[in-house]
Amino acid sequence: MEDTERNLEYELENAQKTLNASQSRRSDGDSKTTAETGDDIASSKKAILDKLEEAENRIQVNGSSSSRFREKMGRKDNALSQPFPAQREKILDKQYHSLIEQLGSKIGRSRRRSW
């Protein structure tokens, strides 16, 4: 997407340079009338605006597809961060045995105190 933006900026700069160069050539003694020059400038500006609009549309399309891609990847990352059922069972089993050991030691301490 960054490459596309760079390319579009490059195209816009080139079009502006071309427009500036053609305007300076005309002002240096071109034999065209002012009306013809104005029409040429208007058509050049319209062409540049059309290219710019097309570029903006491409950027919007790329942006929406990239946001959909990021959204899909986010879902996949979330799914990968959660343990598989077998891993979850192991984790819960370890927690269960740890709690049983803790309960057994607490019961043992309370019995020793009561004696």
PDB file of N, CA and C in Angstrom:
ATOM      1  N   MET A   1       0.820  -1.174   0.000  1.00  0.00           N
ATOM      2  CA  MET A   1       0.000   0.000   0.000  1.00  0.00           C
ATOM      3  C   MET A   1       0.874   1.252   0.000  1.00  0.00           C
ATOM      4  N   GLU A   2       1.975   1.218   0.742  1.00  0.00           N
ATOM      5  CA  GLU A   2       2.889   2.361   0.763  1.00  0.00           C
ATOM      6  C   GLU A   2       3.501   2.568  -0.616  1.00  0.00           C
ATOM      7  N   ASP A   3       3.799   1.465  -1.307  1.00  0.00           N
ATOM      8  CA  ASP A   3       4.342   1.574  -2.664  1.00  0.00           C
ATOM      9  C   ASP A   3       3.336   2.250  -3.589  1.00  0.00           C
ATOM     10  N   THR A   4       2.084   1.882  -3.450  1.00  0.00           N
ATOM     11  CA  THR A   4       1.047   2.480  -4.281  1.00  0.00           C
ATOM     12  C   THR A   4       0.956   3.977  -4.028  1.00  0.00           C
ATOM     13  N   GLU A   5       0.993   4.363  -2.743  1.00  0.00           N
ATOM     14  CA  GLU A   5       0.933   5.783  -2.401  1.00  0.00           C
ATOM     15  C   GLU A   5       2.131   6.531  -2.988  1.00  0.00           C
ATOM     16  N   ARG A   6       3.313   5.939  -2.856  1.00  0.00           N
ATOM     17  CA  ARG A   6       4.504   6.578  -3.410  1.00  0.00           C
ATOM     18  C   ARG A   6       4.388   6.748  -4.921  1.00  0.00           C
ATOM     19  N   ASN A   7       3.905   5.692  -5.599  1.00  0.00           N
ATOM     20  CA  ASN A   7       3.744   5.764  -7.049  1.00  0.00           C
ATOM     21  C   ASN A   7       2.756   6.855  -7.449  1.00  0.00           C
ATOM     22  N   LEU A   8       1.661   6.936  -6.698  1.00  0.00           N
ATOM     23  CA  LEU A   8       0.662   7.944  -7.022  1.00  0.00           C
ATOM     24  C   LEU A   8       1.196   9.356  -6.765  1.00  0.00           C
ATOM     25  N   GLU A   9       1.938   9.528  -5.694  1.00  0.00           N
ATOM     26  CA  GLU A   9       2.534  10.836  -5.421  1.00  0.00           C
ATOM     27  C   GLU A   9       3.536  11.197  -6.523  1.00  0.00           C
ATOM     28  N   TYR A  10       4.296  10.209  -6.972  1.00  0.00           N
ATOM     29  CA  TYR A  10       5.258  10.430  -8.041  1.00  0.00           C
ATOM     30  C   TYR A  10       4.546  10.846  -9.328  1.00  0.00           C
ATOM     31  N   GLU A  11       3.436  10.143  -9.649  1.00  0.00           N
ATOM     32  CA  GLU A  11       2.671  10.490 -10.846  1.00  0.00           C
ATOM     33  C   GLU A  11       2.120  11.904 -10.749  1.00  0.00           C
ATOM     34  N   LEU A  12       1.616  12.270  -9.576  1.00  0.00           N
ATOM     35  CA  LEU A  12       1.064  13.605  -9.377  1.00  0.00           C
ATOM     36  C   LEU A  12       2.146  14.662  -9.542  1.00  0.00           C
ATOM     37  N   GLU A  13       3.312  14.425  -8.952  1.00  0.00           N
ATOM     38  CA  GLU A  13       4.416  15.377  -9.089  1.00  0.00           C
ATOM     39  C   GLU A  13       4.824  15.535 -10.551  1.00  0.00           C
ATOM     40  N   ASN A  14       4.908  14.414 -11.260  1.00  0.00           N
ATOM     41  CA  ASN A  14       5.269  14.476 -12.679  1.00  0.00           C
ATOM     42  C   ASN A  14       4.234  15.251 -13.487  1.00  0.00           C
ATOM     43  N   ALA A  15       2.974  15.028 -13.188  1.00  0.00           N
ATOM     44  CA  ALA A  15       1.921  15.734 -13.913  1.00  0.00           C
ATOM     45  C   ALA A  15       1.994  17.233 -13.621  1.00  0.00           C
ATOM     46  N   GLN A  16       2.259  17.577 -12.362  1.00  0.00           N
ATOM     47  CA  GLN A  16       2.373  18.991 -12.018  1.00  0.00           C
ATOM     48  C   GLN A  16       3.589  19.619 -12.697  1.00  0.00           C
ATOM     49  N   LYS A  17       4.707  18.895 -12.743  1.00  0.00           N
ATOM     50  CA  LYS A  17       5.899  19.413 -13.420  1.00  0.00           C
ATOM     51  C   LYS A  17       5.630  19.610 -14.904  1.00  0.00           C
ATOM     52  N   THR A  18       4.936  18.650 -15.498  1.00  0.00           N
ATOM     53  CA  THR A  18       4.605  18.756 -16.917  1.00  0.00           C
ATOM     54  C   THR A  18       3.710  19.958 -17.164  1.00  0.00           C
ATOM     55  N   LEU A  19       2.734  20.146 -16.292  1.00  0.00           N
ATOM     56  CA  LEU A  19       1.831  21.284 -16.421  1.00  0.00           C
ATOM     57  C   LEU A  19       2.596  22.591 -16.280  1.00  0.00           C
ATOM     58  N   ASN A  20       3.469  22.673 -15.292  1.00  0.00           N
ATOM     59  CA  ASN A  20       4.268  23.887 -15.090  1.00  0.00           C
ATOM     60  C   ASN A  20       5.180  24.159 -16.283  1.00  0.00           C
ATOM     61  N   ALA A  21       5.783  23.103 -16.802  1.00  0.00           N
ATOM     62  CA  ALA A  21       6.682  23.270 -17.948  1.00  0.00           C
ATOM     63  C   ALA A  21       5.912  23.743 -19.175  1.00  0.00           C
ATOM     64  N   SER A  22       4.731  23.168 -19.395  1.00  0.00           N
ATOM     65  CA  SER A  22       3.953  23.584 -20.569  1.00  0.00           C
ATOM     66  C   SER A  22       3.458  25.011 -20.407  1.00  0.00           C
ATOM     67  N   GLN A  23       3.124  25.409 -19.193  1.00  0.00           N
ATOM     68  CA  GLN A  23       2.687  26.786 -18.974  1.00  0.00           C
ATOM     69  C   GLN A  23       3.834  27.764 -19.198  1.00  0.00           C
ATOM     70  N   SER A  24       5.026  27.407 -18.746  1.00  0.00           N
ATOM     71  CA  SER A  24       6.163  28.312 -18.922  1.00  0.00           C
ATOM     72  C   SER A  24       6.547  28.425 -20.401  1.00  0.00           C
ATOM     73  N   ARG A  25       6.430  27.327 -21.152  1.00  0.00           N
ATOM     74  CA  ARG A  25       6.714  27.381 -22.581  1.00  0.00           C
ATOM     75  C   ARG A  25       5.723  28.282 -23.296  1.00  0.00           C
ATOM     76  N   ARG A  26       4.489  28.217 -22.911  1.00  0.00           N
ATOM     77  CA  ARG A  26       3.462  29.042 -23.549  1.00  0.00           C
ATOM     78  C   ARG A  26       3.671  30.517 -23.224  1.00  0.00           C
ATOM     79  N   SER A  27       4.088  30.774 -21.998  1.00  0.00           N
ATOM     80  CA  SER A  27       4.276  32.173 -21.606  1.00  0.00           C
ATOM     81  C   SER A  27       5.543  32.766 -22.233  1.00  0.00           C
ATOM     82  N   ASP A  28       6.431  31.928 -22.711  1.00  0.00           N
ATOM     83  CA  ASP A  28       7.676  32.409 -23.316  1.00  0.00           C
ATOM     84  C   ASP A  28       7.521  32.835 -24.778  1.00  0.00           C
ATOM     85  N   GLY A  29       6.328  32.900 -25.279  1.00  0.00           N
ATOM     86  CA  GLY A  29       6.183  33.385 -26.650  1.00  0.00           C
ATOM     87  C   GLY A  29       5.479  32.407 -27.549  1.00  0.00           C
ATOM     88  N   ASP A  30       4.592  31.594 -26.999  1.00  0.00           N
ATOM     89  CA  ASP A  30       3.828  30.654 -27.815  1.00  0.00           C
ATOM     90  C   ASP A  30       2.826  31.449 -28.646  1.00  0.00           C
ATOM     91  N   SER A  31       2.519  30.996 -29.839  1.00  0.00           N
ATOM     92  CA  SER A  31       1.650  31.737 -30.745  1.00  0.00           C
ATOM     93  C   SER A  31       0.168  31.467 -30.502  1.00  0.00           C
ATOM     94  N   LYS A  32      -0.157  30.611 -29.532  1.00  0.00           N
ATOM     95  CA  LYS A  32      -1.565  30.313 -29.272  1.00  0.00           C
ATOM     96  C   LYS A  32      -2.244  31.509 -28.627  1.00  0.00           C
ATOM     97  N   THR A  33      -3.496  31.582 -28.804  1.00  0.00           N
ATOM     98  CA  THR A  33      -4.247  32.663 -28.177  1.00  0.00           C
ATOM     99  C   THR A  33      -4.475  32.349 -26.719  1.00  0.00           C
ATOM    100  N   THR A  34      -4.902  33.340 -25.973  1.00  0.00           N
ATOM    101  CA  THR A  34      -5.143  33.161 -24.547  1.00  0.00           C
ATOM    102  C   THR A  34      -6.260  32.162 -24.301  1.00  0.00           C
ATOM    103  N   ALA A  35      -7.271  32.144 -25.130  1.00  0.00           N
ATOM    104  CA  ALA A  35      -8.394  31.212 -24.965  1.00  0.00           C
ATOM    105  C   ALA A  35      -7.927  29.778 -25.166  1.00  0.00           C
ATOM    106  N   GLU A  36      -7.102  29.549 -26.184  1.00  0.00           N
ATOM    107  CA  GLU A  36      -6.597  28.191 -26.410  1.00  0.00           C
ATOM    108  C   GLU A  36      -5.723  27.738 -25.256  1.00  0.00           C
ATOM    109  N   THR A  37      -4.892  28.640 -24.746  1.00  0.00           N
ATOM    110  CA  THR A  37      -4.027  28.309 -23.620  1.00  0.00           C
ATOM    111  C   THR A  37      -4.862  27.982 -22.388  1.00  0.00           C
ATOM    112  N   GLY A  38      -5.901  28.763 -22.159  1.00  0.00           N
ATOM    113  CA  GLY A  38      -6.793  28.503 -21.028  1.00  0.00           C
ATOM    114  C   GLY A  38      -7.461  27.154 -21.150  1.00  0.00           C
ATOM    115  N   ASP A  39      -7.884  26.800 -22.375  1.00  0.00           N
ATOM    116  CA  ASP A  39      -8.508  25.495 -22.595  1.00  0.00           C
ATOM    117  C   ASP A  39      -7.518  24.367 -22.332  1.00  0.00           C
ATOM    118  N   ASP A  40      -6.282  24.545 -22.779  1.00  0.00           N
ATOM    119  CA  ASP A  40      -5.246  23.535 -22.549  1.00  0.00           C
ATOM    120  C   ASP A  40      -4.982  23.353 -21.058  1.00  0.00           C
ATOM    121  N   ILE A  41      -4.908  24.474 -20.367  1.00  0.00           N
ATOM    122  CA  ILE A  41      -4.661  24.414 -18.919  1.00  0.00           C
ATOM    123  C   ILE A  41      -5.825  23.720 -18.226  1.00  0.00           C
ATOM    124  N   ALA A  42      -7.045  24.057 -18.615  1.00  0.00           N
ATOM    125  CA  ALA A  42      -8.224  23.445 -18.004  1.00  0.00           C
ATOM    126  C   ALA A  42      -8.247  21.941 -18.257  1.00  0.00           C
ATOM    127  N   SER A  43      -7.916  21.551 -19.497  1.00  0.00           N
ATOM    128  CA  SER A  43      -7.919  20.117 -19.798  1.00  0.00           C
ATOM    129  C   SER A  43      -6.798  19.399 -19.042  1.00  0.00           C
ATOM    130  N   SER A  44      -5.650  20.050 -18.882  1.00  0.00           N
ATOM    131  CA  SER A  44      -4.547  19.452 -18.126  1.00  0.00           C
ATOM    132  C   SER A  44      -4.926  19.303 -16.662  1.00  0.00           C
ATOM    133  N   LYS A  45      -5.562  20.336 -16.121  1.00  0.00           N
ATOM    134  CA  LYS A  45      -5.994  20.266 -14.724  1.00  0.00           C
ATOM    135  C   LYS A  45      -7.030  19.168 -14.537  1.00  0.00           C
ATOM    136  N   LYS A  46      -7.957  19.056 -15.493  1.00  0.00           N
ATOM    137  CA  LYS A  46      -8.976  18.017 -15.407  1.00  0.00           C
ATOM    138  C   LYS A  46      -8.332  16.639 -15.454  1.00  0.00           C
ATOM    139  N   ALA A  47      -7.343  16.463 -16.321  1.00  0.00           N
ATOM    140  CA  ALA A  47      -6.653  15.173 -16.414  1.00  0.00           C
ATOM    141  C   ALA A  47      -5.950  14.846 -15.099  1.00  0.00           C
ATOM    142  N   ILE A  48      -5.315  15.851 -14.504  1.00  0.00           N
ATOM    143  CA  ILE A  48      -4.623  15.637 -13.221  1.00  0.00           C
ATOM    144  C   ILE A  48      -5.626  15.296 -12.130  1.00  0.00           C
ATOM    145  N   LEU A  49      -6.741  16.029 -12.098  1.00  0.00           N
ATOM    146  CA  LEU A  49      -7.764  15.751 -11.093  1.00  0.00           C
ATOM    147  C   LEU A  49      -8.365  14.361 -11.270  1.00  0.00           C
ATOM    148  N   ASP A  50      -8.554  13.951 -12.529  1.00  0.00           N
ATOM    149  CA  ASP A  50      -9.061  12.607 -12.792  1.00  0.00           C
ATOM    150  C   ASP A  50      -8.087  11.543 -12.284  1.00  0.00           C
ATOM    151  N   LYS A  51      -6.797  11.750 -12.553  1.00  0.00           N
ATOM    152  CA  LYS A  51      -5.781  10.801 -12.065  1.00  0.00           C
ATOM    153  C   LYS A  51      -5.764  10.764 -10.549  1.00  0.00           C
ATOM    154  N   LEU A  52      -5.879  11.937  -9.933  1.00  0.00           N
ATOM    155  CA  LEU A  52      -5.875  12.009  -8.478  1.00  0.00           C
ATOM    156  C   LEU A  52      -7.088  11.294  -7.894  1.00  0.00           C
ATOM    157  N   GLU A  53      -8.251  11.496  -8.503  1.00  0.00           N
ATOM    158  CA  GLU A  53      -9.464  10.828  -8.032  1.00  0.00           C
ATOM    159  C   GLU A  53      -9.337   9.317  -8.176  1.00  0.00           C
ATOM    160  N   GLU A  54      -8.788   8.886  -9.297  1.00  0.00           N
ATOM    161  CA  GLU A  54      -8.573   7.453  -9.518  1.00  0.00           C
ATOM    162  C   GLU A  54      -7.609   6.883  -8.472  1.00  0.00           C
ATOM    163  N   ALA A  55      -6.578   7.638  -8.166  1.00  0.00           N
ATOM    164  CA  ALA A  55      -5.601   7.201  -7.166  1.00  0.00           C
ATOM    165  C   ALA A  55      -6.244   7.113  -5.790  1.00  0.00           C
ATOM    166  N   GLU A  56      -7.068   8.094  -5.457  1.00  0.00           N
ATOM    167  CA  GLU A  56      -7.759   8.056  -4.170  1.00  0.00           C
ATOM    168  C   GLU A  56      -8.672   6.841  -4.077  1.00  0.00           C
ATOM    169  N   ASN A  57      -9.351   6.514  -5.166  1.00  0.00           N
ATOM    170  CA  ASN A  57     -10.220   5.334  -5.184  1.00  0.00           C
ATOM    171  C   ASN A  57      -9.404   4.064  -4.966  1.00  0.00           C
ATOM    172  N   ARG A  58      -8.239   3.993  -5.624  1.00  0.00           N
ATOM    173  CA  ARG A  58      -7.372   2.818  -5.438  1.00  0.00           C
ATOM    174  C   ARG A  58      -6.909   2.712  -3.990  1.00  0.00           C
ATOM    175  N   ILE A  59      -6.569   3.841  -3.394  1.00  0.00           N
ATOM    176  CA  ILE A  59      -6.117   3.831  -1.996  1.00  0.00           C
ATOM    177  C   ILE A  59      -7.240   3.367  -1.082  1.00  0.00           C
ATOM    178  N   GLN A  60      -8.464   3.832  -1.347  1.00  0.00           N
ATOM    179  CA  GLN A  60      -9.596   3.410  -0.529  1.00  0.00           C
ATOM    180  C   GLN A  60      -9.842   1.913  -0.654  1.00  0.00           C
ATOM    181  N   VAL A  61      -9.761   1.393  -1.865  1.00  0.00           N
ATOM    182  CA  VAL A  61      -9.959  -0.043  -2.081  1.00  0.00           C
ATOM    183  C   VAL A  61      -8.871  -0.825  -1.355  1.00  0.00           C
ATOM    184  N   ASN A  62      -7.613  -0.373  -1.505  1.00  0.00           N
ATOM    185  CA  ASN A  62      -6.517  -1.054  -0.829  1.00  0.00           C
ATOM    186  C   ASN A  62      -6.662  -0.959   0.681  1.00  0.00           C
ATOM    187  N   GLY A  63      -7.100   0.179   1.174  1.00  0.00           N
ATOM    188  CA  GLY A  63      -7.274   0.361   2.610  1.00  0.00           C
ATOM    189  C   GLY A  63      -8.343  -0.550   3.171  1.00  0.00           C
ATOM    190  N   SER A  64      -9.457  -0.689   2.459  1.00  0.00           N
ATOM    191  CA  SER A  64     -10.531  -1.549   2.956  1.00  0.00           C
ATOM    192  C   SER A  64     -10.107  -3.013   2.907  1.00  0.00           C
ATOM    193  N   SER A  65      -9.395  -3.412   1.854  1.00  0.00           N
ATOM    194  CA  SER A  65      -8.958  -4.813   1.793  1.00  0.00           C
ATOM    195  C   SER A  65      -7.888  -5.084   2.844  1.00  0.00           C
ATOM    196  N   SER A  66      -7.037  -4.101   3.117  1.00  0.00           N
ATOM    197  CA  SER A  66      -6.021  -4.311   4.134  1.00  0.00           C
ATOM    198  C   SER A  66      -6.649  -4.349   5.523  1.00  0.00           C
ATOM    199  N   SER A  67      -7.689  -3.561   5.765  1.00  0.00           N
ATOM    200  CA  SER A  67      -8.343  -3.607   7.077  1.00  0.00           C
ATOM    201  C   SER A  67      -9.069  -4.938   7.264  1.00  0.00           C
ATOM    202  N   ARG A  68      -9.670  -5.465   6.179  1.00  0.00           N
ATOM    203  CA  ARG A  68     -10.302  -6.790   6.272  1.00  0.00           C
ATOM    204  C   ARG A  68      -9.252  -7.857   6.562  1.00  0.00           C
ATOM    205  N   PHE A  69      -8.087  -7.746   5.922  1.00  0.00           N
ATOM    206  CA  PHE A  69      -7.006  -8.705   6.155  1.00  0.00           C
ATOM    207  C   PHE A  69      -6.548  -8.635   7.609  1.00  0.00           C
ATOM    208  N   ARG A  70      -6.349  -7.409   8.132  1.00  0.00           N
ATOM    209  CA  ARG A  70      -5.928  -7.262   9.527  1.00  0.00           C
ATOM    210  C   ARG A  70      -6.963  -7.840  10.478  1.00  0.00           C
ATOM    211  N   GLU A  71      -8.239  -7.638  10.152  1.00  0.00           N
ATOM    212  CA  GLU A  71      -9.312  -8.156  10.987  1.00  0.00           C
ATOM    213  C   GLU A  71      -9.270  -9.684  11.010  1.00  0.00           C
ATOM    214  N   LYS A  72      -9.086 -10.302   9.833  1.00  0.00           N
ATOM    215  CA  LYS A  72      -9.000 -11.759   9.765  1.00  0.00           C
ATOM    216  C   LYS A  72      -7.795 -12.275  10.548  1.00  0.00           C
ATOM    217  N   MET A  73      -6.667 -11.594  10.393  1.00  0.00           N
ATOM    218  CA  MET A  73      -5.461 -12.024  11.101  1.00  0.00           C
ATOM    219  C   MET A  73      -5.639 -11.869  12.610  1.00  0.00           C
ATOM    220  N   GLY A  74      -6.348 -10.844  13.022  1.00  0.00           N
ATOM    221  CA  GLY A  74      -6.612 -10.645  14.444  1.00  0.00           C
ATOM    222  C   GLY A  74      -7.406 -11.805  15.013  1.00  0.00           C
ATOM    223  N   ARG A  75      -8.385 -12.274  14.256  1.00  0.00           N
ATOM    224  CA  ARG A  75      -9.174 -13.425  14.708  1.00  0.00           C
ATOM    225  C   ARG A  75      -8.304 -14.674  14.803  1.00  0.00           C
ATOM    226  N   LYS A  76      -7.422 -14.855  13.816  1.00  0.00           N
ATOM    227  CA  LYS A  76      -6.550 -16.025  13.833  1.00  0.00           C
ATOM    228  C   LYS A  76      -5.579 -15.953  15.006  1.00  0.00           C
ATOM    229  N   ASP A  77      -5.029 -14.765  15.264  1.00  0.00           N
ATOM    230  CA  ASP A  77      -4.110 -14.601  16.393  1.00  0.00           C
ATOM    231  C   ASP A  77      -4.816 -14.902  17.699  1.00  0.00           C
ATOM    232  N   ASN A  78      -6.051 -14.465  17.815  1.00  0.00           N
ATOM    233  CA  ASN A  78      -6.816 -14.716  19.024  1.00  0.00           C
ATOM    234  C   ASN A  78      -7.053 -16.216  19.200  1.00  0.00           C
ATOM    235  N   ALA A  79      -7.366 -16.899  18.114  1.00  0.00           N
ATOM    236  CA  ALA A  79      -7.596 -18.342  18.179  1.00  0.00           C
ATOM    237  C   ALA A  79      -6.309 -19.077  18.557  1.00  0.00           C
ATOM    238  N   LEU A  80      -5.173 -18.603  18.060  1.00  0.00           N
ATOM    239  CA  LEU A  80      -3.909 -19.261  18.359  1.00  0.00           C
ATOM    240  C   LEU A  80      -3.471 -19.019  19.801  1.00  0.00           C
ATOM    241  N   SER A  81      -3.892 -17.917  20.392  1.00  0.00           N
ATOM    242  CA  SER A  81      -3.480 -17.622  21.758  1.00  0.00           C
ATOM    243  C   SER A  81      -4.237 -18.476  22.769  1.00  0.00           C
ATOM    244  N   GLN A  82      -5.375 -19.017  22.376  1.00  0.00           N
ATOM    245  CA  GLN A  82      -6.137 -19.878  23.281  1.00  0.00           C
ATOM    246  C   GLN A  82      -5.618 -21.316  23.161  1.00  0.00           C
ATOM    247  N   PRO A  83      -5.521 -22.013  24.300  1.00  0.00           N
ATOM    248  CA  PRO A  83      -4.986 -23.383  24.241  1.00  0.00           C
ATOM    249  C   PRO A  83      -5.966 -24.351  23.576  1.00  0.00           C
ATOM    250  N   PHE A  84      -5.397 -25.416  23.018  1.00  0.00           N
ATOM    251  CA  PHE A  84      -6.211 -26.475  22.459  1.00  0.00           C
ATOM    252  C   PHE A  84      -6.883 -27.225  23.605  1.00  0.00           C
ATOM    253  N   PRO A  85      -7.942 -27.973  23.324  1.00  0.00           N
ATOM    254  CA  PRO A  85      -8.648 -28.686  24.398  1.00  0.00           C
ATOM    255  C   PRO A  85      -7.738 -29.613  25.229  1.00  0.00           C
ATOM    256  N   ALA A  86      -6.822 -30.316  24.579  1.00  0.00           N
ATOM    257  CA  ALA A  86      -5.926 -31.222  25.320  1.00  0.00           C
ATOM    258  C   ALA A  86      -5.003 -30.419  26.240  1.00  0.00           C
ATOM    259  N   GLN A  87      -4.491 -29.273  25.734  1.00  0.00           N
ATOM    260  CA  GLN A  87      -3.632 -28.435  26.566  1.00  0.00           C
ATOM    261  C   GLN A  87      -4.424 -27.859  27.735  1.00  0.00           C
ATOM    262  N   ARG A  88      -5.644 -27.438  27.463  1.00  0.00           N
ATOM    263  CA  ARG A  88      -6.494 -26.891  28.524  1.00  0.00           C
ATOM    264  C   ARG A  88      -6.767 -27.941  29.603  1.00  0.00           C
ATOM    265  N   GLU A  89      -7.000 -29.161  29.171  1.00  0.00           N
ATOM    266  CA  GLU A  89      -7.251 -30.245  30.130  1.00  0.00           C
ATOM    267  C   GLU A  89      -6.025 -30.470  31.013  1.00  0.00           C
ATOM    268  N   LYS A  90      -4.833 -30.445  30.431  1.00  0.00           N
ATOM    269  CA  LYS A  90      -3.600 -30.602  31.219  1.00  0.00           C
ATOM    270  C   LYS A  90      -3.466 -29.495  32.251  1.00  0.00           C
ATOM    271  N   ILE A  91      -3.699 -28.263  31.810  1.00  0.00           N
ATOM    272  CA  ILE A  91      -3.578 -27.106  32.704  1.00  0.00           C
ATOM    273  C   ILE A  91      -4.565 -27.226  33.860  1.00  0.00           C
ATOM    274  N   LEU A  92      -5.811 -27.565  33.551  1.00  0.00           N
ATOM    275  CA  LEU A  92      -6.827 -27.700  34.595  1.00  0.00           C
ATOM    276  C   LEU A  92      -6.508 -28.861  35.542  1.00  0.00           C
ATOM    277  N   ASP A  93      -5.960 -29.945  35.005  1.00  0.00           N
ATOM    278  CA  ASP A  93      -5.589 -31.094  35.820  1.00  0.00           C
ATOM    279  C   ASP A  93      -4.481 -30.712  36.809  1.00  0.00           C
ATOM    280  N   LYS A  94      -3.483 -29.956  36.333  1.00  0.00           N
ATOM    281  CA  LYS A  94      -2.403 -29.498  37.224  1.00  0.00           C
ATOM    282  C   LYS A  94      -2.950 -28.573  38.300  1.00  0.00           C
ATOM    283  N   GLN A  95      -3.843 -27.680  37.922  1.00  0.00           N
ATOM    284  CA  GLN A  95      -4.436 -26.775  38.902  1.00  0.00           C
ATOM    285  C   GLN A  95      -5.240 -27.552  39.939  1.00  0.00           C
ATOM    286  N   TYR A  96      -5.970 -28.543  39.498  1.00  0.00           N
ATOM    287  CA  TYR A  96      -6.783 -29.367  40.385  1.00  0.00           C
ATOM    288  C   TYR A  96      -5.902 -30.081  41.412  1.00  0.00           C
ATOM    289  N   HIS A  97      -4.828 -30.725  40.948  1.00  0.00           N
ATOM    290  CA  HIS A  97      -3.942 -31.451  41.865  1.00  0.00           C
ATOM    291  C   HIS A  97      -3.232 -30.491  42.811  1.00  0.00           C
ATOM    292  N   SER A  98      -2.872 -29.329  42.340  1.00  0.00           N
ATOM    293  CA  SER A  98      -2.242 -28.329  43.190  1.00  0.00           C
ATOM    294  C   SER A  98      -3.199 -27.882  44.292  1.00  0.00           C
ATOM    295  N   LEU A  99      -4.441 -27.669  43.954  1.00  0.00           N
ATOM    296  CA  LEU A  99      -5.436 -27.265  44.955  1.00  0.00           C
ATOM    297  C   LEU A  99      -5.683 -28.368  45.980  1.00  0.00           C
ATOM    298  N   ILE A 100      -5.692 -29.601  45.508  1.00  0.00           N
ATOM    299  CA  ILE A 100      -5.872 -30.732  46.443  1.00  0.00           C
ATOM    300  C   ILE A 100      -4.704 -30.787  47.419  1.00  0.00           C
ATOM    301  N   GLU A 101      -3.470 -30.613  46.933  1.00  0.00           N
ATOM    302  CA  GLU A 101      -2.298 -30.610  47.811  1.00  0.00           C
ATOM    303  C   GLU A 101      -2.368 -29.475  48.823  1.00  0.00           C
ATOM    304  N   GLN A 102      -2.775 -28.288  48.371  1.00  0.00           N
ATOM    305  CA  GLN A 102      -2.892 -27.141  49.276  1.00  0.00           C
ATOM    306  C   GLN A 102      -3.949 -27.409  50.346  1.00  0.00           C
ATOM    307  N   LEU A 103      -5.070 -27.975  49.934  1.00  0.00           N
ATOM    308  CA  LEU A 103      -6.133 -28.289  50.887  1.00  0.00           C
ATOM    309  C   LEU A 103      -5.664 -29.336  51.892  1.00  0.00           C
ATOM    310  N   GLY A 104      -4.941 -30.346  51.414  1.00  0.00           N
ATOM    311  CA  GLY A 104      -4.426 -31.382  52.311  1.00  0.00           C
ATOM    312  C   GLY A 104      -3.453 -30.801  53.332  1.00  0.00           C
ATOM    313  N   SER A 105      -2.571 -29.903  52.905  1.00  0.00           N
ATOM    314  CA  SER A 105      -1.626 -29.318  53.852  1.00  0.00           C
ATOM    315  C   SER A 105      -2.340 -28.422  54.853  1.00  0.00           C
ATOM    316  N   LYS A 106      -3.370 -27.717  54.438  1.00  0.00           N
ATOM    317  CA  LYS A 106      -4.125 -26.871  55.374  1.00  0.00           C
ATOM    318  C   LYS A 106      -4.876 -27.720  56.395  1.00  0.00           C
ATOM    319  N   ILE A 107      -5.439 -28.814  55.938  1.00  0.00           N
ATOM    320  CA  ILE A 107      -6.143 -29.716  56.864  1.00  0.00           C
ATOM    321  C   ILE A 107      -5.155 -30.304  57.867  1.00  0.00           C
ATOM    322  N   GLY A 108      -3.961 -30.683  57.379  1.00  0.00           N
ATOM    323  CA  GLY A 108      -2.929 -31.225  58.269  1.00  0.00           C
ATOM    324  C   GLY A 108      -2.503 -30.206  59.312  1.00  0.00           C
ATOM    325  N   ARG A 109      -2.333 -28.976  58.940  1.00  0.00           N
ATOM    326  CA  ARG A 109      -1.949 -27.922  59.891  1.00  0.00           C
ATOM    327  C   ARG A 109      -3.042 -27.662  60.909  1.00  0.00           C
ATOM    328  N   SER A 110      -4.280 -27.662  60.443  1.00  0.00           N
ATOM    329  CA  SER A 110      -5.369 -27.392  61.384  1.00  0.00           C
ATOM    330  C   SER A 110      -5.522 -28.539  62.379  1.00  0.00           C
ATOM    331  N   ARG A 111      -5.251 -29.780  61.971  1.00  0.00           N
ATOM    332  CA  ARG A 111      -5.332 -30.928  62.885  1.00  0.00           C
ATOM    333  C   ARG A 111      -4.212 -30.853  63.913  1.00  0.00           C
ATOM    334  N   ARG A 112      -3.005 -30.442  63.500  1.00  0.00           N
ATOM    335  CA  ARG A 112      -1.889 -30.325  64.430  1.00  0.00           C
ATOM    336  C   ARG A 112      -2.160 -29.241  65.472  1.00  0.00           C
ATOM    337  N   ARG A 113      -2.787 -28.200  65.080  1.00  0.00           N
ATOM    338  CA  ARG A 113      -3.083 -27.114  66.000  1.00  0.00           C
ATOM    339  C   ARG A 113      -4.162 -27.528  67.016  1.00  0.00           C
ATOM    340  N   SER A 114      -5.095 -28.296  66.522  1.00  0.00           N
ATOM    341  CA  SER A 114      -6.178 -28.693  67.433  1.00  0.00           C
ATOM    342  C   SER A 114      -5.745 -29.748  68.432  1.00  0.00           C
ATOM    343  N   TRP A 115      -4.621 -30.422  68.270  1.00  0.00           N
ATOM    344  CA  TRP A 115      -4.150 -31.442  69.215  1.00  0.00           C
ATOM    345  C   TRP A 115      -3.542 -30.812  70.344  1.00  0.00           C
TER     346      TRP A 115
END
